[in-house]
Amino acid sequence: MLMNLKTFLEQVKDLNPEFEVPLAKFTTWRIGGPAQILIQVTNSTDLEKVLLSAIKNNLPYTIIGNGSNILISDKGIRGLVLINKSKNITLGPVLNQPEENEKITARHSETGDQNFYTFSDLDYQESGPEQLVTFDSGVMLPFAINWMLKNKLSGLQWFAGIPGSIGGSFYNNIHGGSRHFSEYFYQAKIINEQGIVSNAGYDFFQFGYDKSILRQNPKIMVLEVTLKLIQDDSDRPKTVANEWLKRKSIQPKISCGSVFQCLTDSDQLRLGYPTPSIGYIVDKILNLKGKQIGDAQISLTHGNFMPNLGVATASQVLELMKLIITQTKLKIGVKLYPEINFLGFEQKELDELE
């Protein structure tokens, strides 16, 4: 079916579409080429309207929230790019019969090096009535955490220091210490690739470590996420959130967060390493700390971060990633898997990362 660009632009003209806009400024890495068409939305109603129009007119679409955890091609992204700034939060009812979601195995352990942060000493068992809260997918995670603390709730404090949105956190099933975002999930309002709007529950999303069905099928878009948070009028959630932020302060500001997934438990056990952190491998085993290609650098403080020192390009980041993947496989026989998402690339550009 042919793309009907003229009809689409007519249907969304009130939302001020822009053309060939550089995307770097919309990402925490400050890297990325232009969007063919860019629209910024501030509420889930407009988000739904634009997505339905794009689907009806066969226009390819991509959503960006806070722009963390992504690498955008230097060529940019063709089709429509939506900057999702929706920000509504709605307090729902208390669950009468709470149900516990599956707990996903964490990949964190103790190490004596202060650069490889750990959180097990902060962990505690949450208990109390479960309060449903519905977030627009564009709500920034730091804002959601502050809102939660003000409303005497618990659950999101484990993810303090992660600069993403609720939608991105859900998409990637982010982890903080031993906790995963999916543990607090109740349901989500989605649009599928046929333009059908529906609510989907836990089983639909096939959560795993840094994984959900959304990563396998990026054409399923999330409008709203309902979480089941825990009523807690103590100071524990705030104390944990503040300590989390303090321990994560080693993360460079202009970066994407962690680049690679941690080692599996079996690989860590086989290798006898004190931590599953890829930063430990890059720093201590590969000795690549500080390695630089252009303005892309392997961090001097933690080898799983890659700060942009100025005008780094996506191709420079890919070269550093390929170097780490190749050296890790050669020296310790482990295949690394990226934690980040790639937008606008051709498959051949990513083949050496597979």
Protein backbone atom coordinates (compact mmCIF):
# COMPACT_ATOMS: atom_id res chain seq x y z
CA MET A 1 0.00 0.00 0.00
CA LEU A 2 1.25 3.47 -0.90
CA MET A 3 2.06 6.05 1.75
CA ASN A 4 -0.31 9.01 1.64
CA LEU A 5 1.92 11.74 3.06
CA LYS A 6 -0.18 14.66 1.86
CA THR A 7 -3.32 13.36 3.60
CA PHE A 8 -1.40 12.66 6.81
CA LEU A 9 0.06 16.18 6.95
CA GLU A 10 -3.36 17.67 6.39
CA GLN A 11 -4.80 15.62 9.27
CA VAL A 12 -2.09 16.67 11.74
CA LYS A 13 -1.41 20.25 10.62
CA ASP A 14 -2.74 21.63 13.92
CA LEU A 15 0.17 19.86 15.69
CA ASN A 16 2.80 21.81 13.72
CA PRO A 17 4.82 19.11 11.95
CA GLU A 18 8.45 20.03 11.23
CA PHE A 19 10.79 18.67 8.59
CA GLU A 20 14.40 17.42 8.59
CA VAL A 21 14.91 18.36 12.26
CA PRO A 22 18.18 17.11 13.85
CA LEU A 23 17.37 14.54 16.53
CA ALA A 24 20.57 14.81 18.57
CA LYS A 25 19.04 17.46 20.86
CA PHE A 26 16.23 15.05 21.75
CA THR A 27 18.59 12.35 23.09
CA THR A 28 20.70 12.12 26.24
CA TRP A 29 23.67 11.05 24.05
CA ARG A 30 23.31 14.18 21.86
CA ILE A 31 23.78 11.98 18.79
CA GLY A 32 21.52 11.49 15.78
CA GLY A 33 20.69 12.70 12.29
CA PRO A 34 17.43 14.36 11.17
CA ALA A 35 13.82 13.25 11.37
CA GLN A 36 12.05 13.38 8.02
CA ILE A 37 8.90 14.58 9.84
CA LEU A 38 8.89 15.60 13.52
CA ILE A 39 5.83 16.16 15.71
CA GLN A 40 5.91 16.91 19.44
CA VAL A 41 2.86 15.93 21.51
CA THR A 42 2.04 16.89 25.09
CA ASN A 43 -0.87 14.55 25.86
CA SER A 44 -1.94 10.99 25.13
CA THR A 45 -4.98 12.14 23.11
CA ASP A 46 -2.78 13.84 20.52
CA LEU A 47 -0.36 10.91 20.62
CA GLU A 48 -3.19 8.53 19.78
CA LYS A 49 -4.51 10.84 17.04
CA VAL A 50 -1.13 11.10 15.28
CA LEU A 51 -0.41 7.38 15.53
CA LEU A 52 -3.80 6.40 14.12
CA SER A 53 -3.34 8.84 11.23
CA ALA A 54 0.16 7.52 10.51
CA ILE A 55 -1.08 3.93 10.49
CA LYS A 56 -4.08 4.77 8.28
CA ASN A 57 -1.81 6.57 5.78
CA ASN A 58 0.94 3.89 5.84
CA LEU A 59 3.56 6.26 7.22
CA PRO A 60 6.45 4.65 9.17
CA TYR A 61 6.60 5.99 12.74
CA THR A 62 8.97 6.08 15.71
CA ILE A 63 8.34 7.41 19.22
CA ILE A 64 11.03 9.02 21.37
CA GLY A 65 10.43 9.89 25.01
CA ASN A 66 13.37 11.25 26.98
CA GLY A 67 15.80 9.90 24.36
CA SER A 68 17.88 7.83 26.80
CA ASN A 69 19.05 4.29 26.04
CA ILE A 70 18.93 4.89 22.26
CA LEU A 71 21.45 5.41 19.50
CA ILE A 72 20.11 7.18 16.41
CA SER A 73 21.85 6.76 13.06
CA ASP A 74 23.85 9.65 11.64
CA LYS A 75 21.48 9.47 8.66
CA GLY A 76 18.53 10.06 10.97
CA ILE A 77 15.10 8.43 10.79
CA ARG A 78 12.81 8.38 7.76
CA GLY A 79 9.09 8.70 8.20
CA LEU A 80 7.47 10.22 11.28
CA VAL A 81 9.25 10.78 14.59
CA LEU A 82 7.03 11.60 17.56
CA ILE A 83 8.52 13.32 20.59
CA ASN A 84 6.27 12.13 23.39
CA LYS A 85 5.93 14.74 26.14
CA SER A 86 2.57 13.52 27.47
CA LYS A 87 2.57 14.01 31.24
CA ASN A 88 -0.74 13.14 32.89
CA ILE A 89 -0.85 11.03 36.08
CA THR A 90 -4.12 9.63 37.45
CA LEU A 91 -4.59 8.05 40.86
CA GLY A 92 -6.80 4.96 40.60
CA PRO A 93 -8.41 2.57 43.07
CA VAL A 94 -6.74 0.32 45.63
CA LEU A 95 -6.62 -3.34 44.58
CA ASN A 96 -8.78 -5.59 46.73
CA GLN A 97 -6.92 -8.76 45.77
CA PRO A 98 -3.28 -7.99 44.95
CA GLU A 99 -1.52 -10.38 42.57
CA GLU A 100 2.26 -10.77 42.53
CA ASN A 101 3.93 -10.55 39.11
CA GLU A 102 6.70 -12.91 38.11
CA LYS A 103 10.07 -11.89 39.56
CA ILE A 104 12.82 -11.76 36.94
CA THR A 105 16.31 -12.83 37.97
CA ALA A 106 18.60 -9.87 38.60
CA ARG A 107 22.19 -9.65 37.42
CA HIS A 108 23.85 -7.69 40.19
CA SER A 109 26.26 -8.72 42.93
CA GLU A 110 28.81 -7.31 45.35
CA THR A 111 32.26 -6.01 44.47
CA GLY A 112 34.75 -3.99 46.44
CA ASP A 113 35.29 -1.40 43.69
CA GLN A 114 33.26 1.75 44.34
CA ASN A 115 32.89 2.33 40.59
CA PHE A 116 30.68 -0.76 40.27
CA TYR A 117 27.71 0.28 42.32
CA THR A 118 25.63 -2.22 44.26
CA PHE A 119 22.32 -1.88 46.05
CA SER A 120 21.67 -5.07 48.03
CA ASP A 121 22.17 -3.24 51.34
CA LEU A 122 19.28 -0.92 50.43
CA ASP A 123 16.83 -3.66 49.52
CA TYR A 124 13.78 -4.37 51.65
CA GLN A 125 10.46 -6.14 51.27
CA GLU A 126 7.64 -3.76 50.41
CA SER A 127 4.27 -4.44 52.01
CA GLY A 128 0.94 -2.66 52.13
CA PRO A 129 -2.16 -2.03 50.01
CA GLU A 130 -1.53 -1.80 46.25
CA GLN A 131 -2.58 1.51 44.71
CA LEU A 132 -3.24 1.70 40.96
CA VAL A 133 -1.69 4.73 39.23
CA THR A 134 -1.99 5.45 35.49
CA PHE A 135 0.85 7.35 33.81
CA ASP A 136 0.95 8.80 30.31
CA SER A 137 3.80 7.02 28.54
CA GLY A 138 5.65 10.32 28.12
CA VAL A 139 5.89 11.06 31.86
CA MET A 140 9.56 11.42 32.78
CA LEU A 141 10.67 8.78 35.27
CA PRO A 142 12.37 11.25 37.68
CA PHE A 143 9.13 13.28 37.76
CA ALA A 144 7.09 10.11 38.34
CA ILE A 145 9.36 9.14 41.25
CA ASN A 146 8.99 12.55 42.90
CA TRP A 147 5.21 12.44 42.39
CA MET A 148 5.12 8.96 43.93
CA LEU A 149 7.09 10.04 47.00
CA LYS A 150 4.84 13.07 47.54
CA ASN A 151 1.82 10.75 47.44
CA LYS A 152 3.32 8.34 50.00
CA LEU A 153 3.75 5.44 47.59
CA SER A 154 6.55 2.97 46.97
CA GLY A 155 7.91 1.02 43.98
CA LEU A 156 9.69 3.39 41.60
CA GLN A 157 12.44 4.40 44.04
CA TRP A 158 14.50 1.43 42.84
CA PHE A 159 14.86 3.16 39.45
CA ALA A 160 16.07 6.55 40.67
CA GLY A 161 18.90 7.92 38.54
CA ILE A 162 17.60 6.42 35.28
CA PRO A 163 16.88 9.34 32.89
CA GLY A 164 14.03 7.78 30.92
CA SER A 165 10.28 8.06 30.51
CA ILE A 166 7.59 5.71 31.79
CA GLY A 167 7.10 4.41 28.24
CA GLY A 168 10.82 3.80 27.76
CA SER A 169 11.11 2.15 31.18
CA PHE A 170 8.26 -0.17 30.23
CA TYR A 171 9.62 -0.83 26.71
CA ASN A 172 12.99 -1.94 28.10
CA ASN A 173 11.72 -3.40 31.40
CA ILE A 174 14.43 -1.47 33.22
CA HIS A 175 16.10 -2.85 36.31
CA GLY A 176 17.33 -1.25 39.51
CA GLY A 177 19.29 -3.53 41.82
CA SER A 178 17.19 -6.68 42.18
CA ARG A 179 13.95 -5.05 40.93
CA HIS A 180 12.45 -4.84 37.46
CA PHE A 181 9.81 -2.41 36.24
CA SER A 182 7.50 -5.29 35.32
CA GLU A 183 7.10 -6.23 38.99
CA TYR A 184 4.86 -3.18 39.42
CA PHE A 185 2.99 -3.46 36.11
CA TYR A 186 -0.80 -3.84 35.99
CA GLN A 187 -1.92 -3.01 32.43
CA ALA A 188 -1.17 -0.73 29.49
CA LYS A 189 -3.20 1.04 26.82
CA ILE A 190 -1.64 0.29 23.45
CA ILE A 191 -2.07 0.80 19.71
CA ASN A 192 -1.03 -2.09 17.50
CA GLU A 193 0.19 -1.93 13.90
CA GLN A 194 -3.39 -2.31 12.60
CA GLY A 195 -4.47 0.80 14.53
CA ILE A 196 -6.49 -1.13 17.14
CA VAL A 197 -6.51 0.53 20.59
CA SER A 198 -6.80 -1.86 23.56
CA ASN A 199 -5.72 -2.59 27.11
CA ALA A 200 -3.16 -5.37 27.53
CA GLY A 201 -2.16 -7.23 30.70
CA TYR A 202 1.03 -8.75 32.03
CA ASP A 203 1.24 -11.92 29.93
CA PHE A 204 0.94 -10.05 26.64
CA PHE A 205 4.25 -8.23 27.12
CA GLN A 206 6.53 -11.27 27.63
CA PHE A 207 8.82 -9.49 30.09
CA GLY A 208 12.39 -10.58 30.68
CA TYR A 209 15.73 -9.08 31.66
CA ASP A 210 15.93 -5.80 29.67
CA LYS A 211 13.18 -7.21 27.47
CA SER A 212 9.52 -6.96 26.54
CA ILE A 213 7.52 -7.80 23.43
CA LEU A 214 7.82 -4.12 22.50
CA ARG A 215 11.48 -4.63 21.63
CA GLN A 216 10.59 -7.45 19.25
CA ASN A 217 7.64 -5.55 17.76
CA PRO A 218 8.39 -1.80 17.85
CA LYS A 219 5.18 -1.02 15.94
CA ILE A 220 3.16 -1.65 19.11
CA MET A 221 2.97 1.75 20.79
CA VAL A 222 2.11 2.49 24.41
CA LEU A 223 -0.23 5.36 25.29
CA GLU A 224 -0.62 4.81 29.04
CA VAL A 225 0.85 2.51 31.68
CA THR A 226 -0.99 1.55 34.87
CA LEU A 227 1.23 0.48 37.75
CA LYS A 228 0.37 -1.05 41.10
CA LEU A 229 2.40 0.90 43.65
CA ILE A 230 2.53 0.23 47.38
CA GLN A 231 1.05 2.57 49.97
CA ASP A 232 3.89 3.52 52.33
CA ASP A 233 3.95 6.58 54.59
CA SER A 234 7.46 5.82 55.92
CA ASP A 235 10.68 7.53 54.81
CA ARG A 236 12.14 4.33 53.30
CA PRO A 237 11.26 4.99 49.63
CA LYS A 238 12.73 8.51 49.75
CA THR A 239 15.86 7.31 51.55
CA VAL A 240 16.42 4.58 48.95
CA ALA A 241 15.83 6.96 46.03
CA ASN A 242 18.33 9.51 47.39
CA GLU A 243 20.97 6.84 48.01
CA TRP A 244 20.40 5.36 44.56
CA LEU A 245 21.04 8.78 43.01
CA LYS A 246 24.21 9.20 45.02
CA ARG A 247 25.64 5.84 43.95
CA LYS A 248 24.79 6.41 40.31
CA SER A 249 26.56 9.78 40.19
CA ILE A 250 29.50 8.17 38.33
CA GLN A 251 27.36 7.98 35.18
CA PRO A 252 28.44 10.60 32.62
CA LYS A 253 25.80 13.24 31.93
CA ILE A 254 26.01 13.15 28.13
CA SER A 255 25.64 9.42 27.55
CA CYS A 256 22.91 6.82 27.10
CA GLY A 257 23.34 4.90 30.34
CA SER A 258 24.67 1.33 30.31
CA VAL A 259 25.60 0.15 26.81
CA PHE A 260 25.71 -3.64 27.33
CA GLN A 261 23.67 -6.13 29.35
CA CYS A 262 25.31 -7.60 32.46
CA LEU A 263 26.77 -11.12 32.41
CA THR A 264 24.42 -14.01 33.02
CA ASP A 265 24.75 -15.80 36.36
CA SER A 266 26.29 -18.84 34.62
CA ASP A 267 28.94 -16.75 32.82
CA GLN A 268 29.82 -14.89 36.02
CA LEU A 269 30.16 -18.18 37.91
CA ARG A 270 32.26 -19.78 35.16
CA LEU A 271 34.62 -16.80 34.99
CA GLY A 272 34.79 -16.31 38.77
CA TYR A 273 34.30 -12.56 38.55
CA PRO A 274 33.18 -10.59 41.63
CA THR A 275 30.46 -8.80 39.64
CA PRO A 276 28.45 -9.36 36.43
CA SER A 277 29.14 -5.75 35.44
CA ILE A 278 30.43 -5.28 31.88
CA GLY A 279 32.19 -2.20 33.18
CA TYR A 280 34.39 -4.51 35.27
CA ILE A 281 35.31 -6.55 32.17
CA VAL A 282 36.07 -3.50 30.02
CA ASP A 283 38.12 -1.83 32.78
CA LYS A 284 39.90 -4.77 34.41
CA ILE A 285 40.09 -7.49 31.76
CA LEU A 286 40.19 -5.64 28.44
CA ASN A 287 42.02 -2.56 29.76
CA LEU A 288 40.04 -0.31 27.42
CA LYS A 289 39.22 2.42 29.92
CA GLY A 290 39.51 5.82 28.23
CA LYS A 291 39.70 4.39 24.69
CA GLN A 292 38.44 7.04 22.31
CA ILE A 293 37.28 7.17 18.67
CA GLY A 294 36.55 10.73 17.67
CA ASP A 295 34.53 12.25 20.51
CA ALA A 296 33.09 8.89 21.58
CA GLN A 297 34.91 7.56 24.63
CA ILE A 298 34.83 4.54 26.93
CA SER A 299 34.34 6.20 30.29
CA LEU A 300 37.31 6.74 32.59
CA THR A 301 35.17 5.75 35.58
CA HIS A 302 33.08 2.81 34.31
CA GLY A 303 33.64 0.84 31.11
CA ASN A 304 29.95 0.27 30.36
CA PHE A 305 29.38 3.99 29.82
CA MET A 306 30.35 5.86 26.66
CA PRO A 307 30.22 9.64 27.09
CA ASN A 308 29.97 12.00 24.14
CA LEU A 309 32.86 14.41 24.67
CA GLY A 310 31.59 16.92 22.13
CA VAL A 311 30.44 15.98 18.64
CA ALA A 312 30.55 12.17 18.70
CA THR A 313 28.78 10.35 15.87
CA ALA A 314 26.77 7.16 15.86
CA SER A 315 29.37 5.49 13.66
CA GLN A 316 32.09 6.26 16.22
CA VAL A 317 29.98 4.73 19.00
CA LEU A 318 29.39 1.62 16.91
CA GLU A 319 33.13 1.21 16.36
CA LEU A 320 33.77 1.32 20.11
CA MET A 321 30.97 -1.17 20.73
CA LYS A 322 32.32 -3.54 18.08
CA LEU A 323 35.79 -3.31 19.66
CA ILE A 324 34.44 -4.28 23.08
CA ILE A 325 32.33 -7.12 21.66
CA THR A 326 35.26 -8.53 19.64
CA GLN A 327 37.78 -8.31 22.50
CA THR A 328 35.38 -9.82 25.04
CA LYS A 329 34.66 -12.80 22.82
CA LEU A 330 38.35 -13.26 22.04
CA LYS A 331 39.67 -12.99 25.62
CA ILE A 332 36.96 -14.63 27.75
CA GLY A 333 34.67 -16.37 25.26
CA VAL A 334 31.54 -14.34 26.10
CA LYS A 335 29.12 -12.82 23.61
CA LEU A 336 27.92 -9.41 24.75
CA TYR A 337 24.45 -8.07 24.01
CA PRO A 338 23.63 -4.37 23.68
CA GLU A 339 21.27 -2.92 26.27
CA ILE A 340 20.50 0.07 24.06
CA ASN A 341 18.08 0.41 21.13
CA PHE A 342 19.16 1.34 17.60
CA LEU A 343 17.01 3.67 15.48
CA GLY A 344 17.40 4.50 11.80
CA PHE A 345 20.12 1.95 11.00
CA GLU A 346 20.23 -0.58 8.19
CA GLN A 347 20.67 -4.16 9.39
CA LYS A 348 24.08 -4.49 7.71
CA GLU A 349 25.36 -1.65 9.91
CA LEU A 350 24.45 -3.66 13.01
CA ASP A 351 25.49 -7.15 11.85
CA GLU A 352 28.79 -7.12 13.77
CA LEU A 353 26.87 -6.43 16.99
CA GLU A 354 24.77 -9.61 16.62
